[in-house]
N, C-alpha and C. Protein backbone atom coordinates (compact mmCIF):
# COMPACT_ATOMS: atom_id res chain seq x y z
N UNK A 1 196.96 149.33 185.54
CA UNK A 1 197.24 150.54 186.30
C UNK A 1 195.93 151.10 186.84
N UNK A 2 195.90 151.35 188.12
CA UNK A 2 194.71 151.87 188.77
C UNK A 2 194.87 153.37 188.97
N UNK A 3 193.79 154.09 188.66
CA UNK A 3 193.85 155.53 188.90
C UNK A 3 193.32 155.84 190.29
N UNK A 4 193.92 156.80 190.89
CA UNK A 4 193.51 157.22 192.23
C UNK A 4 192.28 158.12 192.11
N UNK A 5 191.33 158.00 193.03
CA UNK A 5 190.17 158.91 192.98
C UNK A 5 190.62 160.34 193.26
N UNK A 6 189.88 161.25 192.69
CA UNK A 6 190.17 162.67 192.91
C UNK A 6 190.02 162.97 194.40
N UNK A 7 190.82 163.89 194.93
CA UNK A 7 190.65 164.26 196.33
C UNK A 7 189.29 164.95 196.53
N UNK A 8 188.78 164.81 197.72
CA UNK A 8 187.50 165.44 198.04
C UNK A 8 187.64 166.95 198.01
N UNK A 9 186.60 167.58 197.55
CA UNK A 9 186.55 169.04 197.54
C UNK A 9 186.01 169.50 198.90
N UNK A 10 186.65 170.51 199.46
CA UNK A 10 186.16 171.03 200.73
C UNK A 10 184.77 171.63 200.51
N UNK A 11 183.79 171.21 201.28
CA UNK A 11 182.42 171.70 201.09
C UNK A 11 182.33 173.22 201.24
N UNK A 12 181.49 173.81 200.40
CA UNK A 12 181.23 175.24 200.46
C UNK A 12 180.12 175.47 201.47
N UNK A 13 180.47 176.07 202.58
CA UNK A 13 179.48 176.29 203.65
C UNK A 13 179.06 177.76 203.75
N UNK A 14 179.49 178.58 202.80
CA UNK A 14 179.12 180.00 202.83
C UNK A 14 177.64 180.18 202.53
N UNK A 15 177.06 181.21 203.11
CA UNK A 15 175.70 181.60 202.79
C UNK A 15 175.81 182.67 201.70
N UNK A 16 175.48 182.27 200.47
CA UNK A 16 175.65 183.15 199.31
C UNK A 16 174.47 184.09 199.08
N UNK A 17 173.52 184.17 200.01
CA UNK A 17 172.35 185.02 199.77
C UNK A 17 172.73 186.50 199.70
N UNK A 18 173.90 186.85 200.18
CA UNK A 18 174.35 188.25 200.12
C UNK A 18 174.44 188.75 198.67
N UNK A 19 174.56 187.82 197.70
CA UNK A 19 174.68 188.26 196.31
C UNK A 19 173.40 188.91 195.80
N UNK A 20 172.32 188.80 196.55
CA UNK A 20 171.08 189.46 196.16
C UNK A 20 171.13 190.96 196.45
N UNK A 21 172.07 191.37 197.30
CA UNK A 21 172.16 192.77 197.70
C UNK A 21 173.46 193.45 197.29
N UNK A 22 174.43 192.66 196.82
CA UNK A 22 175.74 193.22 196.49
C UNK A 22 176.30 192.56 195.23
N UNK A 23 177.08 193.31 194.47
CA UNK A 23 177.78 192.77 193.32
C UNK A 23 178.82 191.76 193.81
N UNK A 24 178.95 190.64 193.12
CA UNK A 24 179.93 189.63 193.51
C UNK A 24 181.32 190.11 193.10
N UNK A 25 182.25 190.25 194.05
CA UNK A 25 183.58 190.75 193.70
C UNK A 25 184.41 189.73 192.89
N UNK A 26 184.05 188.46 192.95
CA UNK A 26 184.80 187.44 192.21
C UNK A 26 184.41 187.39 190.74
N UNK A 27 183.11 187.28 190.47
CA UNK A 27 182.67 187.10 189.08
C UNK A 27 182.10 188.37 188.46
N UNK A 28 181.81 189.38 189.28
CA UNK A 28 181.27 190.64 188.78
C UNK A 28 179.77 190.66 188.60
N UNK A 29 179.09 189.54 188.84
CA UNK A 29 177.64 189.49 188.64
C UNK A 29 176.94 190.34 189.68
N UNK A 30 175.95 191.10 189.22
CA UNK A 30 175.14 191.91 190.12
C UNK A 30 173.69 191.49 189.94
N UNK A 31 173.17 190.73 190.90
CA UNK A 31 171.82 190.18 190.81
C UNK A 31 170.75 191.26 190.82
N UNK A 32 171.10 192.47 191.21
CA UNK A 32 170.12 193.55 191.26
C UNK A 32 169.88 194.16 189.88
N UNK A 33 170.74 193.83 188.93
CA UNK A 33 170.67 194.41 187.60
C UNK A 33 169.81 193.56 186.66
N UNK A 34 169.23 194.20 185.69
CA UNK A 34 168.48 193.50 184.67
C UNK A 34 167.03 193.25 185.06
N UNK A 35 166.21 193.16 184.06
CA UNK A 35 164.79 192.93 184.26
C UNK A 35 164.50 191.43 184.32
N UNK A 36 163.47 191.07 185.05
CA UNK A 36 163.09 189.66 185.12
C UNK A 36 162.69 189.14 183.74
N UNK A 37 162.26 190.02 182.87
CA UNK A 37 161.90 189.58 181.52
C UNK A 37 163.12 189.10 180.73
N UNK A 38 164.31 189.50 181.16
CA UNK A 38 165.55 189.07 180.50
C UNK A 38 166.05 187.72 180.99
N UNK A 39 165.50 187.23 182.10
CA UNK A 39 166.00 186.00 182.70
C UNK A 39 166.01 184.80 181.75
N UNK A 40 164.93 184.52 181.02
CA UNK A 40 164.98 183.36 180.11
C UNK A 40 166.10 183.47 179.06
N UNK A 41 166.27 184.67 178.50
CA UNK A 41 167.33 184.87 177.50
C UNK A 41 168.71 184.66 178.13
N UNK A 42 168.89 185.17 179.34
CA UNK A 42 170.16 185.01 180.03
C UNK A 42 170.42 183.54 180.36
N UNK A 43 169.39 182.83 180.76
CA UNK A 43 169.54 181.40 181.03
C UNK A 43 169.96 180.65 179.76
N UNK A 44 169.35 180.99 178.65
CA UNK A 44 169.73 180.34 177.38
C UNK A 44 171.18 180.66 177.01
N UNK A 45 171.61 181.88 177.29
CA UNK A 45 173.01 182.24 177.04
C UNK A 45 173.94 181.43 177.93
N UNK A 46 173.52 181.18 179.16
CA UNK A 46 174.32 180.34 180.07
C UNK A 46 174.44 178.92 179.52
N UNK A 47 173.35 178.39 179.01
CA UNK A 47 173.38 177.04 178.43
C UNK A 47 174.38 176.99 177.29
N UNK A 48 174.35 177.98 176.41
CA UNK A 48 175.29 178.03 175.29
C UNK A 48 176.73 178.09 175.79
N UNK A 49 176.98 178.90 176.81
CA UNK A 49 178.34 179.00 177.36
C UNK A 49 178.78 177.67 177.95
N UNK A 50 177.89 176.98 178.66
CA UNK A 50 178.25 175.68 179.22
C UNK A 50 178.50 174.66 178.14
N UNK A 51 177.77 174.77 177.03
CA UNK A 51 178.01 173.86 175.90
C UNK A 51 179.45 174.02 175.40
N UNK A 52 179.91 175.26 175.31
CA UNK A 52 181.28 175.52 174.88
C UNK A 52 182.29 174.94 175.87
N UNK A 53 181.99 175.05 177.14
CA UNK A 53 182.88 174.51 178.18
C UNK A 53 182.99 172.98 178.03
N UNK A 54 181.86 172.33 177.79
CA UNK A 54 181.86 170.87 177.70
C UNK A 54 182.56 170.36 176.44
N UNK A 55 182.79 171.22 175.48
CA UNK A 55 183.51 170.83 174.26
C UNK A 55 185.03 170.87 174.43
N UNK A 56 185.52 171.36 175.53
CA UNK A 56 186.96 171.48 175.74
C UNK A 56 187.63 170.10 175.84
N UNK A 57 188.82 169.97 175.29
CA UNK A 57 189.52 168.69 175.39
C UNK A 57 189.95 168.36 176.82
N UNK A 58 190.14 169.37 177.64
CA UNK A 58 190.58 169.16 179.02
C UNK A 58 189.43 169.27 180.02
N UNK A 59 188.23 168.98 179.59
CA UNK A 59 187.04 169.18 180.40
C UNK A 59 187.07 168.40 181.72
N UNK A 60 187.81 167.30 181.76
CA UNK A 60 187.88 166.48 182.97
C UNK A 60 189.02 166.89 183.92
N UNK A 61 189.91 167.74 183.47
CA UNK A 61 191.09 168.08 184.26
C UNK A 61 190.77 169.15 185.31
N UNK A 62 191.11 168.83 186.54
CA UNK A 62 190.98 169.81 187.62
C UNK A 62 192.16 170.77 187.55
N UNK A 63 191.91 172.07 187.71
CA UNK A 63 193.00 173.03 187.69
C UNK A 63 193.89 172.95 188.94
N UNK A 64 193.33 172.38 189.99
CA UNK A 64 194.05 172.12 191.23
C UNK A 64 193.35 170.93 191.88
N UNK A 65 194.06 170.19 192.72
CA UNK A 65 193.45 168.97 193.29
C UNK A 65 192.13 169.20 194.03
N UNK A 66 191.96 170.33 194.65
CA UNK A 66 190.76 170.58 195.44
C UNK A 66 189.80 171.55 194.75
N UNK A 67 189.88 171.64 193.41
CA UNK A 67 189.00 172.51 192.64
C UNK A 67 188.31 171.66 191.58
N UNK A 68 187.01 171.81 191.46
CA UNK A 68 186.27 171.03 190.47
C UNK A 68 186.79 171.27 189.06
N UNK A 69 186.70 170.25 188.25
CA UNK A 69 187.00 170.35 186.82
C UNK A 69 185.84 171.05 186.12
N UNK A 70 186.06 171.52 184.88
CA UNK A 70 184.93 172.09 184.13
C UNK A 70 183.76 171.11 184.01
N UNK A 71 184.04 169.82 183.85
CA UNK A 71 182.98 168.83 183.77
C UNK A 71 182.18 168.78 185.08
N UNK A 72 182.87 168.80 186.20
CA UNK A 72 182.18 168.76 187.49
C UNK A 72 181.33 170.01 187.69
N UNK A 73 181.86 171.17 187.30
CA UNK A 73 181.06 172.40 187.38
C UNK A 73 179.85 172.33 186.46
N UNK A 74 180.01 171.76 185.27
CA UNK A 74 178.89 171.64 184.33
C UNK A 74 177.81 170.71 184.89
N UNK A 75 178.23 169.63 185.53
CA UNK A 75 177.26 168.74 186.18
C UNK A 75 176.50 169.49 187.26
N UNK A 76 177.22 170.29 188.01
CA UNK A 76 176.58 171.09 189.06
C UNK A 76 175.58 172.08 188.43
N UNK A 77 175.98 172.75 187.36
CA UNK A 77 175.07 173.69 186.70
C UNK A 77 173.81 172.98 186.21
N UNK A 78 173.98 171.80 185.63
CA UNK A 78 172.83 171.00 185.19
C UNK A 78 171.88 170.73 186.36
N UNK A 79 172.47 170.34 187.48
CA UNK A 79 171.64 170.02 188.65
C UNK A 79 171.01 171.26 189.26
N UNK A 80 171.70 172.38 189.18
CA UNK A 80 171.11 173.65 189.63
C UNK A 80 169.90 173.98 188.76
N UNK A 81 170.04 173.84 187.44
CA UNK A 81 168.90 174.10 186.55
C UNK A 81 167.72 173.21 186.93
N UNK A 82 167.98 171.93 187.14
CA UNK A 82 166.91 170.99 187.50
C UNK A 82 166.25 171.37 188.83
N UNK A 83 167.09 171.59 189.83
CA UNK A 83 166.60 171.89 191.17
C UNK A 83 165.75 173.16 191.19
N UNK A 84 166.25 174.20 190.54
CA UNK A 84 165.55 175.48 190.60
C UNK A 84 164.29 175.48 189.74
N UNK A 85 164.25 174.72 188.67
CA UNK A 85 163.01 174.59 187.91
C UNK A 85 161.94 173.99 188.82
N UNK A 86 162.32 172.99 189.60
CA UNK A 86 161.38 172.38 190.54
C UNK A 86 160.97 173.32 191.65
N UNK A 87 161.92 174.06 192.18
CA UNK A 87 161.61 174.98 193.28
C UNK A 87 160.70 176.11 192.82
N UNK A 88 160.98 176.66 191.65
CA UNK A 88 160.15 177.75 191.15
C UNK A 88 158.74 177.24 190.87
N UNK A 89 158.65 176.07 190.27
CA UNK A 89 157.33 175.47 190.02
C UNK A 89 156.58 175.28 191.33
N UNK A 90 157.26 174.79 192.34
CA UNK A 90 156.64 174.59 193.65
C UNK A 90 156.15 175.91 194.22
N UNK A 91 156.94 176.96 194.09
CA UNK A 91 156.54 178.27 194.60
C UNK A 91 155.30 178.81 193.89
N UNK A 92 155.18 178.48 192.62
CA UNK A 92 154.03 178.96 191.84
C UNK A 92 152.77 178.14 192.11
N UNK A 93 152.95 176.91 192.55
CA UNK A 93 151.81 176.02 192.75
C UNK A 93 151.34 175.91 194.20
N UNK A 94 152.24 176.19 195.14
CA UNK A 94 151.88 176.05 196.56
C UNK A 94 152.20 177.33 197.30
N UNK A 95 151.51 177.55 198.40
CA UNK A 95 151.77 178.72 199.24
C UNK A 95 152.91 178.42 200.20
N UNK A 96 153.88 179.30 200.24
CA UNK A 96 155.00 179.24 201.18
C UNK A 96 155.67 177.86 201.30
N UNK A 97 156.07 177.26 200.20
CA UNK A 97 156.71 175.95 200.33
C UNK A 97 158.07 176.06 201.02
N UNK A 98 158.44 175.00 201.70
CA UNK A 98 159.79 174.91 202.28
C UNK A 98 160.55 173.90 201.44
N UNK A 99 161.74 174.28 201.03
CA UNK A 99 162.55 173.42 200.17
C UNK A 99 163.37 172.45 201.00
N UNK A 100 163.46 171.23 200.50
CA UNK A 100 164.35 170.25 201.12
C UNK A 100 165.78 170.74 200.98
N UNK A 101 166.61 170.36 201.93
CA UNK A 101 168.03 170.69 201.85
C UNK A 101 168.65 169.97 200.66
N UNK A 102 169.55 170.65 199.98
CA UNK A 102 170.30 170.04 198.89
C UNK A 102 171.78 170.27 199.19
N UNK A 103 172.51 169.21 199.37
CA UNK A 103 173.94 169.30 199.62
C UNK A 103 174.65 169.09 198.30
N UNK A 104 175.09 170.18 197.70
CA UNK A 104 175.72 170.11 196.38
C UNK A 104 177.01 169.29 196.41
N UNK A 105 177.74 169.35 197.48
CA UNK A 105 178.99 168.61 197.56
C UNK A 105 178.73 167.11 197.69
N UNK A 106 177.75 166.76 198.49
CA UNK A 106 177.37 165.35 198.63
C UNK A 106 176.87 164.80 197.29
N UNK A 107 176.10 165.62 196.58
CA UNK A 107 175.59 165.21 195.27
C UNK A 107 176.74 164.98 194.29
N UNK A 108 177.72 165.86 194.30
CA UNK A 108 178.86 165.73 193.38
C UNK A 108 179.58 164.41 193.60
N UNK A 109 179.75 164.02 194.85
CA UNK A 109 180.43 162.76 195.17
C UNK A 109 179.54 161.57 194.81
N UNK A 110 178.30 161.62 195.25
CA UNK A 110 177.38 160.50 195.02
C UNK A 110 177.13 160.25 193.54
N UNK A 111 177.04 161.32 192.76
CA UNK A 111 176.77 161.21 191.33
C UNK A 111 178.04 161.08 190.49
N UNK A 112 179.20 161.12 191.16
CA UNK A 112 180.49 160.97 190.47
C UNK A 112 180.61 161.94 189.29
N UNK A 113 180.44 163.19 189.60
CA UNK A 113 180.47 164.22 188.57
C UNK A 113 181.67 164.10 187.63
N UNK A 114 182.83 163.87 188.19
CA UNK A 114 184.05 163.83 187.38
C UNK A 114 184.15 162.65 186.44
N UNK A 115 183.30 161.66 186.63
CA UNK A 115 183.33 160.46 185.79
C UNK A 115 182.22 160.43 184.74
N UNK A 116 181.37 161.45 184.73
CA UNK A 116 180.25 161.44 183.80
C UNK A 116 180.72 161.73 182.38
N UNK A 117 179.93 161.30 181.43
CA UNK A 117 180.22 161.48 180.00
C UNK A 117 179.86 162.91 179.61
N UNK A 118 180.84 163.71 179.15
CA UNK A 118 180.55 165.10 178.79
C UNK A 118 179.43 165.25 177.76
N UNK A 119 179.32 164.32 176.81
CA UNK A 119 178.26 164.42 175.80
C UNK A 119 176.88 164.23 176.44
N UNK A 120 176.79 163.31 177.38
CA UNK A 120 175.52 163.09 178.08
C UNK A 120 175.21 164.30 178.95
N UNK A 121 176.20 164.81 179.64
CA UNK A 121 176.01 166.00 180.48
C UNK A 121 175.54 167.17 179.62
N UNK A 122 176.13 167.31 178.45
CA UNK A 122 175.73 168.38 177.53
C UNK A 122 174.24 168.27 177.19
N UNK A 123 173.80 167.07 176.84
CA UNK A 123 172.39 166.87 176.51
C UNK A 123 171.50 167.18 177.72
N UNK A 124 171.89 166.69 178.87
CA UNK A 124 171.09 166.88 180.09
C UNK A 124 171.07 168.34 180.52
N UNK A 125 172.21 169.00 180.42
CA UNK A 125 172.30 170.41 180.78
C UNK A 125 171.45 171.26 179.84
N UNK A 126 171.51 170.94 178.55
CA UNK A 126 170.71 171.68 177.57
C UNK A 126 169.22 171.50 177.85
N UNK A 127 168.82 170.28 178.14
CA UNK A 127 167.41 170.01 178.45
C UNK A 127 166.99 170.71 179.74
N UNK A 128 167.80 170.61 180.78
CA UNK A 128 167.47 171.22 182.07
C UNK A 128 167.44 172.74 181.97
N UNK A 129 168.40 173.31 181.26
CA UNK A 129 168.43 174.76 181.08
C UNK A 129 167.24 175.26 180.28
N UNK A 130 166.86 174.49 179.25
CA UNK A 130 165.68 174.85 178.46
C UNK A 130 164.41 174.79 179.29
N UNK A 131 164.29 173.76 180.12
CA UNK A 131 163.13 173.64 181.00
C UNK A 131 163.07 174.82 181.96
N UNK A 132 164.19 175.15 182.58
CA UNK A 132 164.21 176.25 183.53
C UNK A 132 163.86 177.57 182.84
N UNK A 133 164.41 177.81 181.64
CA UNK A 133 164.08 179.03 180.90
C UNK A 133 162.58 179.09 180.61
N UNK A 134 162.00 177.95 180.26
CA UNK A 134 160.56 177.91 179.99
C UNK A 134 159.76 178.20 181.27
N UNK A 135 160.14 177.56 182.38
CA UNK A 135 159.44 177.80 183.66
C UNK A 135 159.50 179.28 184.02
N UNK A 136 160.67 179.88 183.87
CA UNK A 136 160.84 181.30 184.21
C UNK A 136 160.03 182.18 183.26
N UNK A 137 160.02 181.84 181.97
CA UNK A 137 159.27 182.67 181.01
C UNK A 137 157.76 182.59 181.25
N UNK A 138 157.30 181.52 181.89
CA UNK A 138 155.87 181.35 182.15
C UNK A 138 155.42 181.92 183.50
N UNK A 139 156.33 182.47 184.29
CA UNK A 139 155.96 183.01 185.59
C UNK A 139 154.82 184.03 185.48
N UNK A 140 154.85 184.98 184.54
CA UNK A 140 153.76 185.97 184.47
C UNK A 140 152.38 185.35 184.24
N UNK A 141 152.33 184.16 183.66
CA UNK A 141 151.05 183.50 183.44
C UNK A 141 150.37 183.08 184.74
N UNK A 142 151.10 183.13 185.84
CA UNK A 142 150.56 182.73 187.14
C UNK A 142 149.99 183.92 187.92
N UNK A 143 149.86 185.05 187.26
CA UNK A 143 149.22 186.20 187.89
C UNK A 143 150.16 187.37 188.07
N UNK A 144 149.59 188.54 188.37
CA UNK A 144 150.38 189.77 188.45
C UNK A 144 151.40 189.79 189.59
N UNK A 145 151.18 188.98 190.62
CA UNK A 145 152.11 188.95 191.76
C UNK A 145 152.96 187.69 191.81
N UNK A 146 153.00 186.96 190.71
CA UNK A 146 153.71 185.67 190.71
C UNK A 146 155.19 185.81 191.06
N UNK A 147 155.82 186.88 190.62
CA UNK A 147 157.25 187.06 190.91
C UNK A 147 157.50 187.25 192.41
N UNK A 148 156.45 187.61 193.14
CA UNK A 148 156.59 187.89 194.58
C UNK A 148 156.21 186.71 195.46
N UNK A 149 155.79 185.60 194.87
CA UNK A 149 155.40 184.43 195.67
C UNK A 149 156.61 183.93 196.45
N UNK A 150 156.42 183.62 197.75
CA UNK A 150 157.54 183.23 198.60
C UNK A 150 157.78 181.72 198.67
N UNK A 151 158.99 181.40 199.08
CA UNK A 151 159.39 180.04 199.41
C UNK A 151 160.52 180.14 200.42
N UNK A 152 160.72 179.08 201.19
CA UNK A 152 161.71 179.11 202.27
C UNK A 152 162.71 177.98 202.09
N UNK A 153 163.97 178.33 202.11
CA UNK A 153 165.04 177.34 202.03
C UNK A 153 165.17 176.65 203.39
N UNK A 154 165.75 175.47 203.40
CA UNK A 154 165.84 174.67 204.62
C UNK A 154 166.57 175.39 205.75
N UNK A 155 167.42 176.37 205.44
CA UNK A 155 168.12 177.11 206.49
C UNK A 155 167.33 178.33 206.97
N UNK A 156 166.12 178.52 206.44
CA UNK A 156 165.28 179.63 206.86
C UNK A 156 165.32 180.84 205.95
N UNK A 157 166.20 180.86 204.97
CA UNK A 157 166.25 181.98 204.04
C UNK A 157 164.97 182.03 203.23
N UNK A 158 164.35 183.21 203.20
CA UNK A 158 163.10 183.40 202.47
C UNK A 158 163.43 184.04 201.12
N UNK A 159 162.85 183.47 200.08
CA UNK A 159 163.03 183.97 198.72
C UNK A 159 161.66 184.26 198.12
N UNK A 160 161.65 185.15 197.13
CA UNK A 160 160.51 185.27 196.24
C UNK A 160 160.91 184.54 194.96
N UNK A 161 159.96 184.32 194.08
CA UNK A 161 160.31 183.69 192.80
C UNK A 161 161.40 184.51 192.13
N UNK A 162 161.26 185.83 192.13
CA UNK A 162 162.26 186.68 191.49
C UNK A 162 163.62 186.56 192.16
N UNK A 163 163.67 186.67 193.48
CA UNK A 163 164.98 186.62 194.15
C UNK A 163 165.61 185.24 194.01
N UNK A 164 164.81 184.18 193.99
CA UNK A 164 165.35 182.85 193.79
C UNK A 164 165.95 182.72 192.39
N UNK A 165 165.29 183.28 191.40
CA UNK A 165 165.83 183.26 190.03
C UNK A 165 167.16 184.01 189.96
N UNK A 166 167.22 185.16 190.58
CA UNK A 166 168.45 185.95 190.55
C UNK A 166 169.58 185.25 191.32
N UNK A 167 169.24 184.64 192.43
CA UNK A 167 170.21 183.89 193.22
C UNK A 167 170.77 182.73 192.41
N UNK A 168 169.88 181.99 191.76
CA UNK A 168 170.29 180.85 190.93
C UNK A 168 171.16 181.31 189.77
N UNK A 169 170.78 182.42 189.15
CA UNK A 169 171.55 182.90 188.01
C UNK A 169 172.97 183.25 188.42
N UNK A 170 173.13 183.84 189.59
CA UNK A 170 174.48 184.13 190.07
C UNK A 170 175.29 182.84 190.18
N UNK A 171 174.70 181.80 190.73
CA UNK A 171 175.41 180.53 190.90
C UNK A 171 175.97 180.03 189.57
N UNK A 172 175.13 180.00 188.55
CA UNK A 172 175.53 179.46 187.26
C UNK A 172 176.55 180.36 186.57
N UNK A 173 176.33 181.67 186.64
CA UNK A 173 177.28 182.63 186.04
C UNK A 173 178.61 182.59 186.78
N UNK A 174 178.56 182.48 188.10
CA UNK A 174 179.79 182.43 188.89
C UNK A 174 180.64 181.22 188.49
N UNK A 175 179.99 180.10 188.29
CA UNK A 175 180.76 178.90 187.94
C UNK A 175 181.28 178.96 186.50
N UNK A 176 180.61 179.68 185.63
CA UNK A 176 181.20 179.94 184.30
C UNK A 176 182.50 180.73 184.47
N UNK A 177 182.46 181.70 185.37
CA UNK A 177 183.68 182.46 185.69
C UNK A 177 184.76 181.53 186.24
N UNK A 178 184.35 180.61 187.11
CA UNK A 178 185.31 179.67 187.71
C UNK A 178 186.04 178.84 186.65
N UNK A 179 185.36 178.53 185.55
CA UNK A 179 185.99 177.71 184.50
C UNK A 179 186.55 178.56 183.37
N UNK A 180 186.65 179.86 183.59
CA UNK A 180 187.28 180.73 182.60
C UNK A 180 186.41 181.05 181.40
N UNK A 181 185.10 180.96 181.56
CA UNK A 181 184.17 181.27 180.46
C UNK A 181 183.12 182.25 180.96
N UNK A 182 183.54 183.51 181.24
CA UNK A 182 182.55 184.46 181.75
C UNK A 182 181.43 184.69 180.74
N UNK A 183 180.24 184.92 181.27
CA UNK A 183 179.09 185.20 180.42
C UNK A 183 179.23 186.61 179.88
N UNK A 184 179.04 186.74 178.58
CA UNK A 184 179.20 188.06 177.96
C UNK A 184 177.91 188.82 177.95
């Protein structure tokens, strides 16, 4: 018996940078709240929440044909942690870096998110989240204005280290909401 591949997910083409100025009506996250000193602790809490998600018996089941499964969302969160650790490091090491485009939907298909081993994803997500928390906790070591260092996304959106961290945190928290595990 052959299983049919999951249907393609419609790509998300929204510009989510508005979450830096407004509370998200879907997940309730407000990127304007909280101190940057809390970011590493919040990232670690996200890792713990994702660990709980990956322990679910139905982790591979999509709630609807065109909605990612919890496993697919966890793979995305892992990759967000990896990507943003690299971007923040780049911002701290270089002046005004421009980030390569990252197509999250293309990555999900190419990396076969829905077919990955949840135990391996758990290990990778834990490692990537820990690395990102460490990178964020070390930002002050790069000088008094390190949180204000700029970087530019491929679409022209300009971020500071701080705004990029807050933007990233919304993404991960929002997807916890998507899988029914809001961050407390």
